[in-house]
């Protein structure tokens, strides 16, 4: 019961982002868009750049608000950004045996 509510809330929060990405990036796995793989790659890269810029901006604002120097915030998020994917990969490999 509670898990279903959490999934609904997660879906509700992520739906606008998924909708924007769905409408702006062609799905090159479908036959209609097969030849647009470079456009898909370029648009995906632009979205990642935009998200990265927004994240750095927000970290800067949060650090300034809390009185934490930019260097400390940068190192902390850099460490998290490089450790989390490794952790996820390790979890996936461990679950596969």
Protein backbone atom coordinates (compact mmCIF):
# COMPACT_ATOMS: atom_id res chain seq x y z
CA UNK A 1 0.00 0.00 0.00
CA UNK A 2 2.61 2.59 1.00
CA UNK A 3 4.94 1.43 -1.79
CA UNK A 4 2.21 2.09 -4.35
CA UNK A 5 1.75 5.62 -3.05
CA UNK A 6 5.49 6.31 -3.21
CA UNK A 7 5.58 5.09 -6.82
CA UNK A 8 2.63 7.31 -7.72
CA UNK A 9 4.30 10.35 -6.14
CA UNK A 10 7.57 9.55 -7.91
CA UNK A 11 5.74 9.21 -11.23
CA UNK A 12 3.89 12.49 -10.66
CA UNK A 13 7.12 14.34 -9.89
CA UNK A 14 9.10 12.91 -12.81
CA UNK A 15 6.35 13.04 -15.44
CA UNK A 16 6.99 16.65 -16.58
CA UNK A 17 10.69 15.94 -17.09
CA UNK A 18 10.01 12.70 -18.94
CA UNK A 19 7.44 14.46 -21.13
CA UNK A 20 9.87 17.25 -22.08
CA UNK A 21 12.64 14.77 -22.89
CA UNK A 22 10.22 12.55 -24.84
CA UNK A 23 9.04 15.47 -26.96
CA UNK A 24 12.49 16.97 -27.65
CA UNK A 25 14.65 13.87 -28.24
CA UNK A 26 13.76 11.51 -31.12
CA UNK A 27 13.69 7.82 -30.18
CA UNK A 28 16.11 6.36 -32.71
CA UNK A 29 15.27 2.80 -31.69
CA UNK A 30 11.98 3.16 -33.60
CA UNK A 31 12.10 2.61 -37.38
CA UNK A 32 10.75 6.09 -38.11
CA UNK A 33 13.72 7.81 -36.37
CA UNK A 34 16.49 5.27 -37.16
CA UNK A 35 18.51 7.74 -39.23
CA UNK A 36 18.33 10.47 -36.59
CA UNK A 37 20.76 8.83 -34.18
CA UNK A 38 23.19 11.77 -34.37
CA UNK A 39 20.41 14.23 -33.57
CA UNK A 40 19.42 12.05 -30.61
CA UNK A 41 23.04 12.00 -29.42
CA UNK A 42 23.48 15.77 -29.78
CA UNK A 43 20.18 16.62 -28.08
CA UNK A 44 20.91 14.19 -25.25
CA UNK A 45 24.32 15.80 -24.75
CA UNK A 46 22.74 19.27 -24.70
CA UNK A 47 20.21 18.18 -22.09
CA UNK A 48 22.98 16.70 -19.93
CA UNK A 49 24.91 19.98 -20.23
CA UNK A 50 21.81 21.96 -19.22
CA UNK A 51 21.13 19.70 -16.24
CA UNK A 52 24.80 19.92 -15.19
CA UNK A 53 24.76 23.72 -15.39
CA UNK A 54 21.56 23.87 -13.35
CA UNK A 55 22.99 21.48 -10.73
CA UNK A 56 26.20 23.50 -10.35
CA UNK A 57 24.19 26.70 -10.08
CA UNK A 58 21.96 25.22 -7.36
CA UNK A 59 24.96 23.85 -5.45
CA UNK A 60 26.55 27.30 -5.57
CA UNK A 61 23.37 28.94 -4.28
CA UNK A 62 22.94 26.35 -1.51
CA UNK A 63 26.60 26.66 -0.50
CA UNK A 64 26.37 30.46 -0.41
CA UNK A 65 23.15 30.30 1.63
CA UNK A 66 24.65 27.89 4.17
CA UNK A 67 28.01 29.66 4.26
CA UNK A 68 29.94 26.72 2.80
CA UNK A 69 32.84 27.65 0.48
CA UNK A 70 32.51 26.79 -3.22
CA UNK A 71 35.62 24.58 -3.05
CA UNK A 72 34.14 22.36 -0.33
CA UNK A 73 30.80 22.10 -2.13
CA UNK A 74 32.56 21.32 -5.41
CA UNK A 75 34.76 18.60 -3.94
CA UNK A 76 31.82 17.05 -2.08
CA UNK A 77 29.60 16.87 -5.15
CA UNK A 78 32.46 15.75 -7.36
CA UNK A 79 33.11 12.89 -4.94
CA UNK A 80 29.43 11.97 -4.86
CA UNK A 81 29.13 12.25 -8.63
CA UNK A 82 31.99 9.82 -9.19
CA UNK A 83 31.14 7.40 -6.37
CA UNK A 84 27.43 6.90 -6.92
CA UNK A 85 27.73 5.38 -10.44
CA UNK A 86 30.47 3.01 -9.20
CA UNK A 87 28.26 2.01 -6.28
CA UNK A 88 25.31 1.34 -8.59
CA UNK A 89 27.48 -0.73 -10.94
CA UNK A 90 28.77 -2.75 -7.99
CA UNK A 91 25.24 -3.38 -6.75
CA UNK A 92 24.12 -4.57 -10.18
CA UNK A 93 27.08 -6.93 -10.51
CA UNK A 94 26.57 -8.26 -6.96
CA UNK A 95 22.89 -8.98 -7.66
CA UNK A 96 23.82 -10.86 -10.84
CA UNK A 97 26.19 -13.05 -8.83
